[in-house]
Amino acid sequence: MPVAVTVVITLALVFYTVGVWSERIQGRLKPWHLAMFVAGLVFDTVGTGMMFDLAGGLTWDLHGLSGLLAIVLMFVHAAWAAVVLWRRDEAWLTRFHRFSVVVWLVWLVPYVSPMFFALGG
């Protein structure tokens, strides 16, 4: 994989991880967390586009399908975070991290799957 793709996808990991885990540790969704979610989504989308170009499109394997699911979930996650922040619902602001961690865990599957495939082959 070209270095540029690795850098872009790793930036997605950094932004998304900082957003998700700082929200979890702080126990309350804040606007800057949303900014981190969106930055992670943007870098992941750009990196995925770069990988699509390299692979000639979507691959119908664990990596490709979980990556597609992860981007959809990241988009829903960011959109829902914006709604929660806009509504200022205290219960949702303090419980949102539960959804965030689940989406982050799903996102890790396509991030780490190439490493496991490389070990096996």
PDB file of N, CA and C in Angstrom:
ATOM      1  N   MET A   1       0.848  -1.179   0.000  1.00  0.00           N
ATOM      2  CA  MET A   1       0.000   0.000   0.000  1.00  0.00           C
ATOM      3  C   MET A   1       0.896   1.246   0.000  1.00  0.00           C
ATOM      4  N   PRO A   2       0.606   2.206  -0.849  1.00  0.00           N
ATOM      5  CA  PRO A   2       1.414   3.432  -0.894  1.00  0.00           C
ATOM      6  C   PRO A   2       1.396   4.182   0.447  1.00  0.00           C
ATOM      7  N   VAL A   3       2.476   4.886   0.706  1.00  0.00           N
ATOM      8  CA  VAL A   3       2.637   5.619   1.962  1.00  0.00           C
ATOM      9  C   VAL A   3       1.511   6.630   2.149  1.00  0.00           C
ATOM     10  N   ALA A   4       1.093   7.309   1.090  1.00  0.00           N
ATOM     11  CA  ALA A   4       0.047   8.328   1.210  1.00  0.00           C
ATOM     12  C   ALA A   4      -1.247   7.736   1.767  1.00  0.00           C
ATOM     13  N   VAL A   5      -1.615   6.546   1.315  1.00  0.00           N
ATOM     14  CA  VAL A   5      -2.833   5.894   1.807  1.00  0.00           C
ATOM     15  C   VAL A   5      -2.680   5.565   3.287  1.00  0.00           C
ATOM     16  N   THR A   6      -1.529   5.039   3.647  1.00  0.00           N
ATOM     17  CA  THR A   6      -1.268   4.685   5.045  1.00  0.00           C
ATOM     18  C   THR A   6      -1.351   5.915   5.939  1.00  0.00           C
ATOM     19  N   VAL A   7      -0.786   7.017   5.497  1.00  0.00           N
ATOM     20  CA  VAL A   7      -0.810   8.255   6.287  1.00  0.00           C
ATOM     21  C   VAL A   7      -2.249   8.752   6.450  1.00  0.00           C
ATOM     22  N   VAL A   8      -3.002   8.782   5.370  1.00  0.00           N
ATOM     23  CA  VAL A   8      -4.376   9.293   5.424  1.00  0.00           C
ATOM     24  C   VAL A   8      -5.253   8.417   6.323  1.00  0.00           C
ATOM     25  N   ILE A   9      -5.167   7.112   6.178  1.00  0.00           N
ATOM     26  CA  ILE A   9      -5.975   6.209   7.004  1.00  0.00           C
ATOM     27  C   ILE A   9      -5.537   6.285   8.468  1.00  0.00           C
ATOM     28  N   THR A  10      -4.246   6.451   8.708  1.00  0.00           N
ATOM     29  CA  THR A  10      -3.760   6.578  10.089  1.00  0.00           C
ATOM     30  C   THR A  10      -4.240   7.894  10.704  1.00  0.00           C
ATOM     31  N   LEU A  11      -4.314   8.955   9.922  1.00  0.00           N
ATOM     32  CA  LEU A  11      -4.890  10.210  10.424  1.00  0.00           C
ATOM     33  C   LEU A  11      -6.360  10.008  10.794  1.00  0.00           C
ATOM     34  N   ALA A  12      -7.070   9.214  10.006  1.00  0.00           N
ATOM     35  CA  ALA A  12      -8.462   8.900  10.347  1.00  0.00           C
ATOM     36  C   ALA A  12      -8.512   8.199  11.698  1.00  0.00           C
ATOM     37  N   LEU A  13      -7.626   7.239  11.891  1.00  0.00           N
ATOM     38  CA  LEU A  13      -7.569   6.524  13.173  1.00  0.00           C
ATOM     39  C   LEU A  13      -7.292   7.486  14.325  1.00  0.00           C
ATOM     40  N   VAL A  14      -6.326   8.360  14.151  1.00  0.00           N
ATOM     41  CA  VAL A  14      -5.957   9.296  15.223  1.00  0.00           C
ATOM     42  C   VAL A  14      -7.127  10.217  15.565  1.00  0.00           C
ATOM     43  N   PHE A  15      -7.698  10.870  14.565  1.00  0.00           N
ATOM     44  CA  PHE A  15      -8.804  11.802  14.835  1.00  0.00           C
ATOM     45  C   PHE A  15     -10.003  11.084  15.456  1.00  0.00           C
ATOM     46  N   TYR A  16     -10.373   9.960  14.876  1.00  0.00           N
ATOM     47  CA  TYR A  16     -11.558   9.249  15.368  1.00  0.00           C
ATOM     48  C   TYR A  16     -11.328   8.713  16.784  1.00  0.00           C
ATOM     49  N   THR A  17     -10.153   8.180  17.026  1.00  0.00           N
ATOM     50  CA  THR A  17      -9.836   7.639  18.347  1.00  0.00           C
ATOM     51  C   THR A  17      -9.810   8.745  19.400  1.00  0.00           C
ATOM     52  N   VAL A  18      -9.190   9.860  19.087  1.00  0.00           N
ATOM     53  CA  VAL A  18      -9.167  10.984  20.031  1.00  0.00           C
ATOM     54  C   VAL A  18     -10.589  11.440  20.332  1.00  0.00           C
ATOM     55  N   GLY A  19     -11.412  11.569  19.304  1.00  0.00           N
ATOM     56  CA  GLY A  19     -12.799  11.997  19.521  1.00  0.00           C
ATOM     57  C   GLY A  19     -13.584  11.023  20.374  1.00  0.00           C
ATOM     58  N   VAL A  20     -13.523   9.747  20.020  1.00  0.00           N
ATOM     59  CA  VAL A  20     -14.324   8.730  20.721  1.00  0.00           C
ATOM     60  C   VAL A  20     -13.866   8.562  22.162  1.00  0.00           C
ATOM     61  N   TRP A  21     -12.562   8.402  22.364  1.00  0.00           N
ATOM     62  CA  TRP A  21     -12.101   8.097  23.719  1.00  0.00           C
ATOM     63  C   TRP A  21     -12.062   9.315  24.628  1.00  0.00           C
ATOM     64  N   SER A  22     -11.857  10.494  24.091  1.00  0.00           N
ATOM     65  CA  SER A  22     -11.943  11.680  24.949  1.00  0.00           C
ATOM     66  C   SER A  22     -13.395  11.906  25.363  1.00  0.00           C
ATOM     67  N   GLU A  23     -14.322  11.656  24.460  1.00  0.00           N
ATOM     68  CA  GLU A  23     -15.739  11.750  24.815  1.00  0.00           C
ATOM     69  C   GLU A  23     -16.075  10.729  25.897  1.00  0.00           C
ATOM     70  N   ARG A  24     -15.584   9.529  25.737  1.00  0.00           N
ATOM     71  CA  ARG A  24     -15.846   8.457  26.719  1.00  0.00           C
ATOM     72  C   ARG A  24     -15.266   8.818  28.084  1.00  0.00           C
ATOM     73  N   ILE A  25     -14.027   9.286  28.100  1.00  0.00           N
ATOM     74  CA  ILE A  25     -13.360   9.633  29.358  1.00  0.00           C
ATOM     75  C   ILE A  25     -14.025  10.843  30.017  1.00  0.00           C
ATOM     76  N   GLN A  26     -14.389  11.850  29.227  1.00  0.00           N
ATOM     77  CA  GLN A  26     -15.014  13.055  29.779  1.00  0.00           C
ATOM     78  C   GLN A  26     -16.469  12.820  30.168  1.00  0.00           C
ATOM     79  N   GLY A  27     -17.089  11.789  29.575  1.00  0.00           N
ATOM     80  CA  GLY A  27     -18.454  11.439  29.950  1.00  0.00           C
ATOM     81  C   GLY A  27     -19.526  12.367  29.421  1.00  0.00           C
ATOM     82  N   ARG A  28     -19.184  13.164  28.436  1.00  0.00           N
ATOM     83  CA  ARG A  28     -20.160  14.101  27.885  1.00  0.00           C
ATOM     84  C   ARG A  28     -19.740  14.480  26.463  1.00  0.00           C
ATOM     85  N   LEU A  29     -20.677  14.418  25.544  1.00  0.00           N
ATOM     86  CA  LEU A  29     -20.423  14.810  24.164  1.00  0.00           C
ATOM     87  C   LEU A  29     -20.276  16.325  24.082  1.00  0.00           C
ATOM     88  N   LYS A  30     -19.196  16.764  23.420  1.00  0.00           N
ATOM     89  CA  LYS A  30     -18.936  18.197  23.252  1.00  0.00           C
ATOM     90  C   LYS A  30     -18.722  18.492  21.772  1.00  0.00           C
ATOM     91  N   PRO A  31     -18.895  19.753  21.373  1.00  0.00           N
ATOM     92  CA  PRO A  31     -18.731  20.091  19.950  1.00  0.00           C
ATOM     93  C   PRO A  31     -17.368  19.697  19.377  1.00  0.00           C
ATOM     94  N   TRP A  32     -16.307  19.788  20.150  1.00  0.00           N
ATOM     95  CA  TRP A  32     -14.998  19.433  19.593  1.00  0.00           C
ATOM     96  C   TRP A  32     -14.892  17.940  19.335  1.00  0.00           C
ATOM     97  N   HIS A  33     -15.667  17.126  20.075  1.00  0.00           N
ATOM     98  CA  HIS A  33     -15.699  15.686  19.777  1.00  0.00           C
ATOM     99  C   HIS A  33     -16.291  15.471  18.379  1.00  0.00           C
ATOM    100  N   LEU A  34     -17.377  16.192  18.111  1.00  0.00           N
ATOM    101  CA  LEU A  34     -17.992  16.105  16.779  1.00  0.00           C
ATOM    102  C   LEU A  34     -16.979  16.493  15.702  1.00  0.00           C
ATOM    103  N   ALA A  35     -16.192  17.527  15.957  1.00  0.00           N
ATOM    104  CA  ALA A  35     -15.171  17.939  14.981  1.00  0.00           C
ATOM    105  C   ALA A  35     -14.169  16.804  14.736  1.00  0.00           C
ATOM    106  N   MET A  36     -13.798  16.092  15.782  1.00  0.00           N
ATOM    107  CA  MET A  36     -12.884  14.946  15.633  1.00  0.00           C
ATOM    108  C   MET A  36     -13.544  13.813  14.853  1.00  0.00           C
ATOM    109  N   PHE A  37     -14.831  13.557  15.129  1.00  0.00           N
ATOM    110  CA  PHE A  37     -15.561  12.511  14.390  1.00  0.00           C
ATOM    111  C   PHE A  37     -15.578  12.846  12.900  1.00  0.00           C
ATOM    112  N   VAL A  38     -15.885  14.108  12.596  1.00  0.00           N
ATOM    113  CA  VAL A  38     -15.978  14.524  11.192  1.00  0.00           C
ATOM    114  C   VAL A  38     -14.595  14.451  10.526  1.00  0.00           C
ATOM    115  N   ALA A  39     -13.553  14.896  11.229  1.00  0.00           N
ATOM    116  CA  ALA A  39     -12.201  14.811  10.662  1.00  0.00           C
ATOM    117  C   ALA A  39     -11.836  13.351  10.388  1.00  0.00           C
ATOM    118  N   GLY A  40     -12.151  12.462  11.327  1.00  0.00           N
ATOM    119  CA  GLY A  40     -11.888  11.038  11.117  1.00  0.00           C
ATOM    120  C   GLY A  40     -12.647  10.508   9.912  1.00  0.00           C
ATOM    121  N   LEU A  41     -13.912  10.905   9.791  1.00  0.00           N
ATOM    122  CA  LEU A  41     -14.731  10.478   8.655  1.00  0.00           C
ATOM    123  C   LEU A  41     -14.156  10.990   7.339  1.00  0.00           C
ATOM    124  N   VAL A  42     -13.750  12.246   7.307  1.00  0.00           N
ATOM    125  CA  VAL A  42     -13.196  12.820   6.075  1.00  0.00           C
ATOM    126  C   VAL A  42     -11.917  12.081   5.666  1.00  0.00           C
ATOM    127  N   PHE A  43     -10.999  11.906   6.618  1.00  0.00           N
ATOM    128  CA  PHE A  43      -9.752  11.204   6.280  1.00  0.00           C
ATOM    129  C   PHE A  43     -10.023   9.754   5.885  1.00  0.00           C
ATOM    130  N   ASP A  44     -10.962   9.108   6.561  1.00  0.00           N
ATOM    131  CA  ASP A  44     -11.277   7.723   6.208  1.00  0.00           C
ATOM    132  C   ASP A  44     -11.894   7.642   4.810  1.00  0.00           C
ATOM    133  N   THR A  45     -12.767   8.573   4.492  1.00  0.00           N
ATOM    134  CA  THR A  45     -13.401   8.579   3.175  1.00  0.00           C
ATOM    135  C   THR A  45     -12.370   8.833   2.076  1.00  0.00           C
ATOM    136  N   VAL A  46     -11.477   9.775   2.298  1.00  0.00           N
ATOM    137  CA  VAL A  46     -10.425  10.057   1.316  1.00  0.00           C
ATOM    138  C   VAL A  46      -9.512   8.835   1.160  1.00  0.00           C
ATOM    139  N   GLY A  47      -9.095   8.247   2.287  1.00  0.00           N
ATOM    140  CA  GLY A  47      -8.241   7.059   2.234  1.00  0.00           C
ATOM    141  C   GLY A  47      -8.917   5.884   1.558  1.00  0.00           C
ATOM    142  N   THR A  48     -10.199   5.723   1.831  1.00  0.00           N
ATOM    143  CA  THR A  48     -10.955   4.637   1.190  1.00  0.00           C
ATOM    144  C   THR A  48     -11.047   4.869  -0.315  1.00  0.00           C
ATOM    145  N   GLY A  49     -11.257   6.108  -0.706  1.00  0.00           N
ATOM    146  CA  GLY A  49     -11.277   6.433  -2.142  1.00  0.00           C
ATOM    147  C   GLY A  49      -9.949   6.107  -2.806  1.00  0.00           C
ATOM    148  N   MET A  50      -8.869   6.398  -2.101  1.00  0.00           N
ATOM    149  CA  MET A  50      -7.538   6.075  -2.629  1.00  0.00           C
ATOM    150  C   MET A  50      -7.374   4.558  -2.775  1.00  0.00           C
ATOM    151  N   MET A  51      -7.872   3.823  -1.786  1.00  0.00           N
ATOM    152  CA  MET A  51      -7.775   2.346  -1.861  1.00  0.00           C
ATOM    153  C   MET A  51      -8.667   1.794  -2.972  1.00  0.00           C
ATOM    154  N   PHE A  52      -9.846   2.399  -3.165  1.00  0.00           N
ATOM    155  CA  PHE A  52     -10.712   1.972  -4.269  1.00  0.00           C
ATOM    156  C   PHE A  52      -9.971   2.117  -5.592  1.00  0.00           C
ATOM    157  N   ASP A  53      -9.266   3.237  -5.763  1.00  0.00           N
ATOM    158  CA  ASP A  53      -8.500   3.445  -6.996  1.00  0.00           C
ATOM    159  C   ASP A  53      -7.439   2.359  -7.177  1.00  0.00           C
ATOM    160  N   LEU A  54      -6.765   2.008  -6.094  1.00  0.00           N
ATOM    161  CA  LEU A  54      -5.726   0.972  -6.174  1.00  0.00           C
ATOM    162  C   LEU A  54      -6.299  -0.411  -6.473  1.00  0.00           C
ATOM    163  N   ALA A  55      -7.454  -0.706  -5.858  1.00  0.00           N
ATOM    164  CA  ALA A  55      -8.042  -2.049  -5.990  1.00  0.00           C
ATOM    165  C   ALA A  55      -8.987  -2.157  -7.183  1.00  0.00           C
ATOM    166  N   GLY A  56      -9.281  -1.051  -7.838  1.00  0.00           N
ATOM    167  CA  GLY A  56     -10.222  -1.082  -8.956  1.00  0.00           C
ATOM    168  C   GLY A  56     -11.671  -1.131  -8.498  1.00  0.00           C
ATOM    169  N   GLY A  57     -11.954  -0.626  -7.317  1.00  0.00           N
ATOM    170  CA  GLY A  57     -13.320  -0.594  -6.792  1.00  0.00           C
ATOM    171  C   GLY A  57     -13.432  -1.326  -5.466  1.00  0.00           C
ATOM    172  N   LEU A  58     -14.650  -1.489  -5.031  1.00  0.00           N
ATOM    173  CA  LEU A  58     -14.931  -2.169  -3.771  1.00  0.00           C
ATOM    174  C   LEU A  58     -14.587  -3.648  -3.879  1.00  0.00           C
ATOM    175  N   THR A  59     -13.899  -4.153  -2.880  1.00  0.00           N
ATOM    176  CA  THR A  59     -13.632  -5.589  -2.825  1.00  0.00           C
ATOM    177  C   THR A  59     -14.703  -6.235  -1.951  1.00  0.00           C
ATOM    178  N   TRP A  60     -15.228  -7.342  -2.407  1.00  0.00           N
ATOM    179  CA  TRP A  60     -16.337  -8.005  -1.715  1.00  0.00           C
ATOM    180  C   TRP A  60     -15.806  -9.048  -0.732  1.00  0.00           C
ATOM    181  N   ASP A  61     -14.948  -8.585   0.165  1.00  0.00           N
ATOM    182  CA  ASP A  61     -14.394  -9.454   1.195  1.00  0.00           C
ATOM    183  C   ASP A  61     -14.599  -8.766   2.550  1.00  0.00           C
ATOM    184  N   LEU A  62     -14.069  -9.363   3.620  1.00  0.00           N
ATOM    185  CA  LEU A  62     -14.245  -8.800   4.962  1.00  0.00           C
ATOM    186  C   LEU A  62     -13.771  -7.354   5.021  1.00  0.00           C
ATOM    187  N   HIS A  63     -12.616  -7.083   4.453  1.00  0.00           N
ATOM    188  CA  HIS A  63     -12.060  -5.736   4.505  1.00  0.00           C
ATOM    189  C   HIS A  63     -12.957  -4.727   3.777  1.00  0.00           C
ATOM    190  N   GLY A  64     -13.346  -5.065   2.553  1.00  0.00           N
ATOM    191  CA  GLY A  64     -14.153  -4.143   1.758  1.00  0.00           C
ATOM    192  C   GLY A  64     -15.531  -3.900   2.346  1.00  0.00           C
ATOM    193  N   LEU A  65     -16.197  -4.976   2.742  1.00  0.00           N
ATOM    194  CA  LEU A  65     -17.553  -4.831   3.273  1.00  0.00           C
ATOM    195  C   LEU A  65     -17.570  -4.183   4.654  1.00  0.00           C
ATOM    196  N   SER A  66     -16.626  -4.555   5.513  1.00  0.00           N
ATOM    197  CA  SER A  66     -16.588  -3.918   6.838  1.00  0.00           C
ATOM    198  C   SER A  66     -16.169  -2.458   6.714  1.00  0.00           C
ATOM    199  N   GLY A  67     -15.329  -2.144   5.736  1.00  0.00           N
ATOM    200  CA  GLY A  67     -14.956  -0.747   5.494  1.00  0.00           C
ATOM    201  C   GLY A  67     -16.132   0.088   5.048  1.00  0.00           C
ATOM    202  N   LEU A  68     -16.946  -0.470   4.161  1.00  0.00           N
ATOM    203  CA  LEU A  68     -18.151   0.219   3.714  1.00  0.00           C
ATOM    204  C   LEU A  68     -19.111   0.437   4.886  1.00  0.00           C
ATOM    205  N   LEU A  69     -19.326  -0.609   5.678  1.00  0.00           N
ATOM    206  CA  LEU A  69     -20.187  -0.499   6.858  1.00  0.00           C
ATOM    207  C   LEU A  69     -19.639   0.548   7.825  1.00  0.00           C
ATOM    208  N   ALA A  70     -18.336   0.558   8.022  1.00  0.00           N
ATOM    209  CA  ALA A  70     -17.721   1.507   8.953  1.00  0.00           C
ATOM    210  C   ALA A  70     -17.944   2.948   8.510  1.00  0.00           C
ATOM    211  N   ILE A  71     -17.781   3.226   7.216  1.00  0.00           N
ATOM    212  CA  ILE A  71     -17.989   4.603   6.740  1.00  0.00           C
ATOM    213  C   ILE A  71     -19.445   5.019   6.910  1.00  0.00           C
ATOM    214  N   VAL A  72     -20.359   4.123   6.608  1.00  0.00           N
ATOM    215  CA  VAL A  72     -21.782   4.438   6.801  1.00  0.00           C
ATOM    216  C   VAL A  72     -22.054   4.718   8.280  1.00  0.00           C
ATOM    217  N   LEU A  73     -21.542   3.863   9.161  1.00  0.00           N
ATOM    218  CA  LEU A  73     -21.746   4.068  10.599  1.00  0.00           C
ATOM    219  C   LEU A  73     -21.079   5.356  11.083  1.00  0.00           C
ATOM    220  N   MET A  74     -19.900   5.676  10.565  1.00  0.00           N
ATOM    221  CA  MET A  74     -19.224   6.915  10.949  1.00  0.00           C
ATOM    222  C   MET A  74     -20.058   8.130  10.536  1.00  0.00           C
ATOM    223  N   PHE A  75     -20.666   8.070   9.364  1.00  0.00           N
ATOM    224  CA  PHE A  75     -21.522   9.165   8.910  1.00  0.00           C
ATOM    225  C   PHE A  75     -22.745   9.302   9.821  1.00  0.00           C
ATOM    226  N   VAL A  76     -23.411   8.175  10.098  1.00  0.00           N
ATOM    227  CA  VAL A  76     -24.574   8.187  10.994  1.00  0.00           C
ATOM    228  C   VAL A  76     -24.159   8.698  12.373  1.00  0.00           C
ATOM    229  N   HIS A  77     -23.011   8.244  12.849  1.00  0.00           N
ATOM    230  CA  HIS A  77     -22.486   8.652  14.150  1.00  0.00           C
ATOM    231  C   HIS A  77     -22.287  10.170  14.210  1.00  0.00           C
ATOM    232  N   ALA A  78     -21.639  10.736  13.211  1.00  0.00           N
ATOM    233  CA  ALA A  78     -21.400  12.184  13.184  1.00  0.00           C
ATOM    234  C   ALA A  78     -22.714  12.957  13.073  1.00  0.00           C
ATOM    235  N   ALA A  79     -23.613  12.478  12.230  1.00  0.00           N
ATOM    236  CA  ALA A  79     -24.905  13.154  12.076  1.00  0.00           C
ATOM    237  C   ALA A  79     -25.706  13.108  13.377  1.00  0.00           C
ATOM    238  N   TRP A  80     -25.710  11.948  14.015  1.00  0.00           N
ATOM    239  CA  TRP A  80     -26.453  11.812  15.275  1.00  0.00           C
ATOM    240  C   TRP A  80     -25.813  12.670  16.368  1.00  0.00           C
ATOM    241  N   ALA A  81     -24.491  12.743  16.395  1.00  0.00           N
ATOM    242  CA  ALA A  81     -23.809  13.604  17.370  1.00  0.00           C
ATOM    243  C   ALA A  81     -24.226  15.059  17.171  1.00  0.00           C
ATOM    244  N   ALA A  82     -24.321  15.495  15.916  1.00  0.00           N
ATOM    245  CA  ALA A  82     -24.758  16.869  15.636  1.00  0.00           C
ATOM    246  C   ALA A  82     -26.177  17.100  16.147  1.00  0.00           C
ATOM    247  N   VAL A  83     -27.052  16.129  15.937  1.00  0.00           N
ATOM    248  CA  VAL A  83     -28.436  16.253  16.417  1.00  0.00           C
ATOM    249  C   VAL A  83     -28.461  16.320  17.938  1.00  0.00           C
ATOM    250  N   VAL A  84     -27.722  15.466  18.586  1.00  0.00           N
ATOM    251  CA  VAL A  84     -27.689  15.437  20.058  1.00  0.00           C
ATOM    252  C   VAL A  84     -27.161  16.771  20.595  1.00  0.00           C
ATOM    253  N   LEU A  85     -26.100  17.283  19.998  1.00  0.00           N
ATOM    254  CA  LEU A  85     -25.565  18.575  20.437  1.00  0.00           C
ATOM    255  C   LEU A  85     -26.571  19.697  20.207  1.00  0.00           C
ATOM    256  N   TRP A  86     -27.247  19.671  19.074  1.00  0.00           N
ATOM    257  CA  TRP A  86     -28.226  20.710  18.750  1.00  0.00           C
ATOM    258  C   TRP A  86     -29.403  20.679  19.724  1.00  0.00           C
ATOM    259  N   ARG A  87     -29.866  19.482  20.062  1.00  0.00           N
ATOM    260  CA  ARG A  87     -31.011  19.344  20.974  1.00  0.00           C
ATOM    261  C   ARG A  87     -30.650  19.627  22.433  1.00  0.00           C
ATOM    262  N   ARG A  88     -29.381  19.478  22.768  1.00  0.00           N
ATOM    263  CA  ARG A  88     -28.903  19.706  24.147  1.00  0.00           C
ATOM    264  C   ARG A  88     -29.625  18.835  25.177  1.00  0.00           C
ATOM    265  N   ASP A  89     -29.919  17.616  24.777  1.00  0.00           N
ATOM    266  CA  ASP A  89     -30.582  16.667  25.678  1.00  0.00           C
ATOM    267  C   ASP A  89     -29.520  16.095  26.609  1.00  0.00           C
ATOM    268  N   GLU A  90     -29.613  16.425  27.873  1.00  0.00           N
ATOM    269  CA  GLU A  90     -28.587  16.041  28.845  1.00  0.00           C
ATOM    270  C   GLU A  90     -28.372  14.530  28.908  1.00  0.00           C
ATOM    271  N   ALA A  91     -29.456  13.777  28.875  1.00  0.00           N
ATOM    272  CA  ALA A  91     -29.331  12.312  28.942  1.00  0.00           C
ATOM    273  C   ALA A  91     -28.543  11.779  27.750  1.00  0.00           C
ATOM    274  N   TRP A  92     -28.836  12.279  26.552  1.00  0.00           N
ATOM    275  CA  TRP A  92     -28.112  11.814  25.370  1.00  0.00           C
ATOM    276  C   TRP A  92     -26.678  12.321  25.347  1.00  0.00           C
ATOM    277  N   LEU A  93     -26.463  13.548  25.823  1.00  0.00           N
ATOM    278  CA  LEU A  93     -25.101  14.092  25.859  1.00  0.00           C
ATOM    279  C   LEU A  93     -24.176  13.247  26.730  1.00  0.00           C
ATOM    280  N   THR A  94     -24.724  12.676  27.786  1.00  0.00           N
ATOM    281  CA  THR A  94     -23.905  11.887  28.708  1.00  0.00           C
ATOM    282  C   THR A  94     -23.894  10.394  28.395  1.00  0.00           C
ATOM    283  N   ARG A  95     -24.758   9.943  27.502  1.00  0.00           N
ATOM    284  CA  ARG A  95     -24.778   8.517  27.138  1.00  0.00           C
ATOM    285  C   ARG A  95     -24.282   8.254  25.724  1.00  0.00           C
ATOM    286  N   PHE A  96     -24.027   9.288  24.976  1.00  0.00           N
ATOM    287  CA  PHE A  96     -23.674   9.135  23.565  1.00  0.00           C
ATOM    288  C   PHE A  96     -22.429   8.270  23.364  1.00  0.00           C
ATOM    289  N   HIS A  97     -21.513   8.297  24.337  1.00  0.00           N
ATOM    290  CA  HIS A  97     -20.258   7.548  24.201  1.00  0.00           C
ATOM    291  C   HIS A  97     -20.493   6.051  23.993  1.00  0.00           C
ATOM    292  N   ARG A  98     -21.612   5.539  24.440  1.00  0.00           N
ATOM    293  CA  ARG A  98     -21.890   4.104  24.237  1.00  0.00           C
ATOM    294  C   ARG A  98     -21.975   3.781  22.753  1.00  0.00           C
ATOM    295  N   PHE A  99     -22.651   4.631  22.017  1.00  0.00           N
ATOM    296  CA  PHE A  99     -22.755   4.465  20.569  1.00  0.00           C
ATOM    297  C   PHE A  99     -21.391   4.696  19.916  1.00  0.00           C
ATOM    298  N   SER A 100     -20.680   5.703  20.407  1.00  0.00           N
ATOM    299  CA  SER A 100     -19.371   6.040  19.833  1.00  0.00           C
ATOM    300  C   SER A 100     -18.404   4.866  19.903  1.00  0.00           C
ATOM    301  N   VAL A 101     -18.333   4.224  21.040  1.00  0.00           N
ATOM    302  CA  VAL A 101     -17.383   3.113  21.215  1.00  0.00           C
ATOM    303  C   VAL A 101     -17.742   1.947  20.298  1.00  0.00           C
ATOM    304  N   VAL A 102     -19.021   1.674  20.134  1.00  0.00           N
ATOM    305  CA  VAL A 102     -19.454   0.590  19.239  1.00  0.00           C
ATOM    306  C   VAL A 102     -19.032   0.891  17.800  1.00  0.00           C
ATOM    307  N   VAL A 103     -19.277   2.123  17.348  1.00  0.00           N
ATOM    308  CA  VAL A 103     -18.896   2.496  15.981  1.00  0.00           C
ATOM    309  C   VAL A 103     -17.374   2.419  15.822  1.00  0.00           C
ATOM    310  N   TRP A 104     -16.634   2.868  16.813  1.00  0.00           N
ATOM    311  CA  TRP A 104     -15.175   2.810  16.765  1.00  0.00           C
ATOM    312  C   TRP A 104     -14.688   1.367  16.644  1.00  0.00           C
ATOM    313  N   LEU A 105     -15.298   0.465  17.426  1.00  0.00           N
ATOM    314  CA  LEU A 105     -14.909  -0.955  17.359  1.00  0.00           C
ATOM    315  C   LEU A 105     -15.190  -1.540  15.972  1.00  0.00           C
ATOM    316  N   VAL A 106     -16.331  -1.191  15.390  1.00  0.00           N
ATOM    317  CA  VAL A 106     -16.639  -1.653  14.032  1.00  0.00           C
ATOM    318  C   VAL A 106     -15.608  -1.082  13.059  1.00  0.00           C
ATOM    319  N   TRP A 107     -15.233   0.185  13.246  1.00  0.00           N
ATOM    320  CA  TRP A 107     -14.263   0.827  12.357  1.00  0.00           C
ATOM    321  C   TRP A 107     -12.900   0.132  12.424  1.00  0.00           C
ATOM    322  N   LEU A 108     -12.556  -0.394  13.571  1.00  0.00           N
ATOM    323  CA  LEU A 108     -11.252  -1.055  13.707  1.00  0.00           C
ATOM    324  C   LEU A 108     -11.129  -2.312  12.841  1.00  0.00           C
ATOM    325  N   VAL A 109     -12.233  -2.981  12.537  1.00  0.00           N
ATOM    326  CA  VAL A 109     -12.172  -4.216  11.743  1.00  0.00           C
ATOM    327  C   VAL A 109     -11.494  -3.966  10.390  1.00  0.00           C
ATOM    328  N   PRO A 110     -11.966  -3.001   9.588  1.00  0.00           N
ATOM    329  CA  PRO A 110     -11.268  -2.793   8.317  1.00  0.00           C
ATOM    330  C   PRO A 110      -9.884  -2.174   8.490  1.00  0.00           C
ATOM    331  N   TYR A 111      -9.644  -1.504   9.607  1.00  0.00           N
ATOM    332  CA  TYR A 111      -8.314  -0.933   9.827  1.00  0.00           C
ATOM    333  C   TYR A 111      -7.278  -2.030  10.081  1.00  0.00           C
ATOM    334  N   VAL A 112      -7.638  -3.009  10.917  1.00  0.00           N
ATOM    335  CA  VAL A 112      -6.651  -4.038  11.279  1.00  0.00           C
ATOM    336  C   VAL A 112      -6.707  -5.284  10.397  1.00  0.00           C
ATOM    337  N   SER A 113      -7.795  -5.495   9.654  1.00  0.00           N
ATOM    338  CA  SER A 113      -7.902  -6.723   8.870  1.00  0.00           C
ATOM    339  C   SER A 113      -6.773  -6.924   7.866  1.00  0.00           C
ATOM    340  N   PRO A 114      -6.258  -5.883   7.197  1.00  0.00           N
ATOM    341  CA  PRO A 114      -5.137  -6.133   6.283  1.00  0.00           C
ATOM    342  C   PRO A 114      -3.895  -6.662   7.007  1.00  0.00           C
ATOM    343  N   MET A 115      -3.709  -6.260   8.256  1.00  0.00           N
ATOM    344  CA  MET A 115      -2.561  -6.755   9.015  1.00  0.00           C
ATOM    345  C   MET A 115      -2.694  -8.266   9.263  1.00  0.00           C
ATOM    346  N   PHE A 116      -3.911  -8.704   9.607  1.00  0.00           N
ATOM    347  CA  PHE A 116      -4.131 -10.124   9.852  1.00  0.00           C
ATOM    348  C   PHE A 116      -4.035 -10.924   8.562  1.00  0.00           C
ATOM    349  N   PHE A 117      -4.548 -10.379   7.465  1.00  0.00           N
ATOM    350  CA  PHE A 117      -4.442 -11.081   6.185  1.00  0.00           C
ATOM    351  C   PHE A 117      -2.987 -11.198   5.757  1.00  0.00           C
ATOM    352  N   ALA A 118      -2.183 -10.173   6.030  1.00  0.00           N
ATOM    353  CA  ALA A 118      -0.761 -10.200   5.667  1.00  0.00           C
ATOM    354  C   ALA A 118      -0.020 -11.254   6.493  1.00  0.00           C
ATOM    355  N   LEU A 119      -0.412 -11.424   7.750  1.00  0.00           N
ATOM    356  CA  LEU A 119       0.226 -12.434   8.596  1.00  0.00           C
ATOM    357  C   LEU A 119      -0.066 -13.843   8.098  1.00  0.00           C
ATOM    358  N   GLY A 120      -1.292 -14.029   7.592  1.00  0.00           N
ATOM    359  CA  GLY A 120      -1.706 -15.365   7.151  1.00  0.00           C
ATOM    360  C   GLY A 120      -1.214 -15.712   5.754  1.00  0.00           C
ATOM    361  N   GLY A 121      -0.811 -14.737   4.987  1.00  0.00           N
ATOM    362  CA  GLY A 121      -0.464 -15.047   3.614  1.00  0.00           C
ATOM    363  C   GLY A 121       0.920 -14.673   3.292  1.00  0.00           C
TER     364      GLY A 121
END
